[in-house]
Amino acid sequence: MKKEYDFGKGKRGAVVQPEPGKSRITIRLDNEVLDWFRAKADKQGGGNYQTMINQVLKEYIHQDKSLADILRQVIREELKPAA
């Protein structure tokens, strides 16, 4: 190793620029959520859990349902086995 390095031409920021149409952000998620997505990615033989989270969020926003409609659907699905 050198005793000193010249960072005069160094640049601040991300080393790898995000793909067009994507933004780099910081987000706080529950450990339970991260653990679930990481485990799912591992179970599928690898892959990127962040891509999976992004896909789930995209599917959710493309649904033309209110939260109340989604809750009704979940309740109906859960009540079927009990009937």
Protein backbone atom coordinates (compact mmCIF):
# COMPACT_ATOMS: atom_id res chain seq x y z
CA MET A 1 0.00 0.00 0.00
CA LYS A 2 1.06 3.54 -0.64
CA LYS A 3 1.63 5.83 2.26
CA GLU A 4 -0.69 8.45 0.68
CA TYR A 5 -3.29 8.39 -2.10
CA ASP A 6 -4.44 11.27 -4.29
CA PHE A 7 -8.24 11.59 -4.27
CA GLY A 8 -8.14 14.96 -6.05
CA LYS A 9 -10.12 13.61 -9.01
CA GLY A 10 -12.50 11.56 -6.86
CA LYS A 11 -16.26 12.03 -7.14
CA ARG A 12 -18.90 11.77 -4.43
CA GLY A 13 -22.00 9.65 -4.83
CA ALA A 14 -22.95 6.19 -5.97
CA VAL A 15 -20.23 4.23 -7.73
CA VAL A 16 -22.76 2.44 -9.92
CA GLN A 17 -25.43 4.64 -11.47
CA PRO A 18 -29.00 3.29 -11.27
CA GLU A 19 -30.66 1.96 -14.38
CA PRO A 20 -32.81 4.44 -16.31
CA GLY A 21 -36.26 4.62 -14.74
CA LYS A 22 -34.99 3.59 -11.30
CA SER A 23 -34.00 5.69 -8.31
CA ARG A 24 -31.74 4.82 -5.44
CA ILE A 25 -33.46 5.48 -2.11
CA THR A 26 -33.17 4.57 1.53
CA ILE A 27 -36.22 2.89 3.03
CA ARG A 28 -36.86 1.33 6.41
CA LEU A 29 -38.66 -2.01 6.38
CA ASP A 30 -39.49 -4.37 9.21
CA ASN A 31 -36.96 -7.17 9.69
CA GLU A 32 -39.84 -9.63 9.31
CA VAL A 33 -40.53 -8.32 5.80
CA LEU A 34 -36.87 -8.42 4.76
CA ASP A 35 -36.37 -11.88 6.24
CA TRP A 36 -39.40 -13.20 4.33
CA PHE A 37 -38.22 -11.80 0.98
CA ARG A 38 -34.63 -12.94 1.52
CA ALA A 39 -35.80 -16.45 2.43
CA LYS A 40 -38.08 -16.56 -0.61
CA ALA A 41 -35.19 -15.50 -2.87
CA ASP A 42 -32.93 -18.17 -1.33
CA LYS A 43 -35.65 -20.82 -1.70
CA GLN A 44 -35.95 -19.99 -5.41
CA GLY A 45 -32.24 -20.62 -5.86
CA GLY A 46 -30.98 -17.08 -5.48
CA GLY A 47 -31.97 -13.85 -7.06
CA ASN A 48 -32.48 -10.37 -5.80
CA TYR A 49 -34.89 -9.88 -2.93
CA GLN A 50 -35.02 -6.14 -3.73
CA THR A 51 -36.30 -6.92 -7.22
CA MET A 52 -38.96 -9.14 -5.64
CA ILE A 53 -40.07 -6.34 -3.31
CA ASN A 54 -40.23 -3.96 -6.28
CA GLN A 55 -42.35 -6.45 -8.27
CA VAL A 56 -44.81 -6.94 -5.39
CA LEU A 57 -45.19 -3.18 -4.99
CA LYS A 58 -45.76 -2.72 -8.74
CA GLU A 59 -48.42 -5.46 -8.76
CA TYR A 60 -50.13 -3.80 -5.82
CA ILE A 61 -50.29 -0.34 -7.41
CA HIS A 62 -51.59 -1.76 -10.68
CA GLN A 63 -54.55 -3.33 -8.92
CA ASP A 64 -57.58 -1.14 -9.29
CA LYS A 65 -58.85 -1.96 -5.82
CA SER A 66 -59.20 0.06 -2.68
CA LEU A 67 -57.74 -1.22 0.57
CA ALA A 68 -61.28 -2.02 1.70
CA ASP A 69 -61.82 -4.19 -1.41
CA ILE A 70 -58.56 -6.05 -0.77
CA LEU A 71 -59.50 -6.66 2.87
CA ARG A 72 -62.92 -7.97 1.82
CA GLN A 73 -61.25 -10.35 -0.62
CA VAL A 74 -58.83 -11.62 2.03
CA ILE A 75 -61.64 -12.12 4.55
CA ARG A 76 -63.73 -14.05 2.00
CA GLU A 77 -60.75 -16.26 1.13
CA GLU A 78 -60.06 -16.97 4.79
CA LEU A 79 -63.71 -17.70 5.60
CA LYS A 80 -64.11 -20.27 2.78
CA PRO A 81 -62.09 -22.99 4.56
CA ALA A 82 -64.12 -22.43 7.73
CA ALA A 83 -67.44 -22.91 5.94
